[in-house]
Amino acid sequence: MSILFVTLLSLLSTLPAGEAPRGLRCEWQVNPRAVHDPCPDFFWRAPSQSRFRIAVASAADGFDNPVWQTTRKSKLPIVEYGGPALTDGTVYYWKVWVWDDEGEPLD
């Protein structure tokens, strides 16, 4: 099984505290060409995260109706995919939103 994820957010090298997530990784890779794990890990960096929402979509503009999404109160910038089985050979996109300790969105 070969499942492909493409990061939709731009990777930013240096941002001050309070800025958008950066260092996005799927299975510890930047824009992997193929992902073989049926439940891949997603990772990002955010300077003061207290909560996040992550969504996986089958189209770049498909986040209004994602394949899977979850919102969690967590300072840990990692989550494992927990949705329905992904289709082999399909390109999927993921996006993460984070909020700081004061509940303000980091974007």
Protein backbone atom coordinates (compact mmCIF):
# COMPACT_ATOMS: atom_id res chain seq x y z
CA MET A 1 0.00 0.00 0.00
CA SER A 2 1.35 3.38 -0.97
CA ILE A 3 -0.47 6.44 0.28
CA LEU A 4 0.72 9.90 -0.63
CA PHE A 5 0.37 12.96 1.55
CA VAL A 6 1.27 16.45 0.43
CA THR A 7 1.56 19.28 2.91
CA LEU A 8 -0.72 22.12 1.99
CA LEU A 9 0.86 24.67 4.29
CA SER A 10 4.13 26.27 3.35
CA LEU A 11 7.12 25.25 5.40
CA LEU A 12 8.62 28.25 7.13
CA SER A 13 12.13 28.12 8.53
CA THR A 14 12.03 30.72 11.32
CA LEU A 15 9.07 32.43 12.91
CA PRO A 16 8.75 34.31 16.19
CA ALA A 17 6.48 33.07 18.98
CA GLY A 18 2.81 33.47 18.15
CA GLU A 19 3.21 32.65 14.48
CA ALA A 20 1.85 29.84 12.32
CA PRO A 21 2.94 26.21 12.66
CA ARG A 22 6.16 25.33 10.85
CA GLY A 23 8.34 22.30 10.23
CA LEU A 24 5.40 20.25 8.95
CA ARG A 25 6.13 16.55 8.59
CA CYS A 26 4.18 13.44 7.65
CA GLU A 27 5.91 10.26 8.84
CA TRP A 28 8.87 12.51 9.71
CA GLN A 29 9.32 13.59 6.09
CA VAL A 30 8.68 16.90 4.35
CA ASN A 31 6.31 16.36 1.41
CA PRO A 32 6.83 12.59 1.20
CA ARG A 33 6.30 11.04 -2.22
CA ALA A 34 4.69 7.96 -0.67
CA VAL A 35 3.53 6.99 2.81
CA HIS A 36 3.25 3.29 3.54
CA ASP A 37 1.81 3.49 7.07
CA PRO A 38 -2.02 3.27 6.98
CA CYS A 39 -2.12 5.50 10.09
CA PRO A 40 0.67 8.04 9.51
CA ASP A 41 1.96 10.47 12.13
CA PHE A 42 1.70 14.21 11.51
CA PHE A 43 4.12 16.57 13.22
CA TRP A 44 4.62 20.35 13.29
CA ARG A 45 6.23 23.03 15.44
CA ALA A 46 4.34 25.80 17.17
CA PRO A 47 5.94 27.98 19.85
CA SER A 48 3.04 28.12 22.33
CA GLN A 49 0.39 25.64 21.28
CA SER A 50 -2.38 24.68 23.69
CA ARG A 51 -4.90 23.23 21.23
CA PHE A 52 -4.89 22.09 17.63
CA ARG A 53 -7.17 21.00 14.81
CA ILE A 54 -5.89 18.82 12.00
CA ALA A 55 -7.71 17.80 8.85
CA VAL A 56 -6.89 15.43 5.99
CA ALA A 57 -8.58 15.99 2.63
CA SER A 58 -8.52 14.29 -0.74
CA ALA A 59 -8.34 17.64 -2.58
CA ALA A 60 -6.35 20.81 -1.92
CA ASP A 61 -9.62 22.72 -1.53
CA GLY A 62 -11.43 19.92 0.33
CA PHE A 63 -11.10 21.07 3.93
CA ASP A 64 -14.79 22.01 4.20
CA ASN A 65 -15.55 18.28 3.90
CA PRO A 66 -12.36 16.47 4.98
CA VAL A 67 -11.75 12.74 4.97
CA TRP A 68 -10.82 13.05 8.65
CA GLN A 69 -10.36 15.76 11.24
CA THR A 70 -9.79 16.05 14.95
CA THR A 71 -9.49 18.88 17.44
CA ARG A 72 -7.59 18.30 20.65
CA LYS A 73 -6.46 20.24 23.66
CA SER A 74 -2.78 19.37 23.68
CA LYS A 75 0.64 20.97 23.81
CA LEU A 76 2.07 18.02 21.87
CA PRO A 77 2.50 18.88 18.18
CA ILE A 78 1.97 15.35 16.91
CA VAL A 79 -1.03 13.21 16.07
CA GLU A 80 -1.61 9.88 14.38
CA TYR A 81 -4.19 9.62 11.60
CA GLY A 82 -7.38 8.10 12.99
CA GLY A 83 -9.83 8.21 10.12
CA PRO A 84 -11.21 5.74 7.61
CA ALA A 85 -8.88 3.63 5.49
CA LEU A 86 -7.04 5.70 2.92
CA THR A 87 -7.14 4.76 -0.74
CA ASP A 88 -3.92 3.44 -2.23
CA GLY A 89 -2.34 5.73 -4.81
CA THR A 90 -4.44 8.76 -3.83
CA VAL A 91 -2.87 12.13 -3.05
CA TYR A 92 -4.08 13.48 0.29
CA TYR A 93 -3.54 16.93 1.78
CA TRP A 94 -3.32 17.90 5.42
CA LYS A 95 -3.62 21.15 7.27
CA VAL A 96 -3.16 22.05 10.91
CA TRP A 97 -4.53 24.99 12.89
CA VAL A 98 -3.15 25.81 16.36
CA TRP A 99 -4.14 28.06 19.24
CA ASP A 100 -1.88 29.51 21.92
CA ASP A 101 -2.30 29.40 25.71
CA GLU A 102 -4.65 32.42 25.58
CA GLY A 103 -6.88 30.76 22.98
CA GLU A 104 -5.66 32.98 20.14
CA PRO A 105 -5.16 31.35 16.75
CA LEU A 106 -1.58 31.11 15.54
CA ASP A 107 -1.63 31.84 11.86
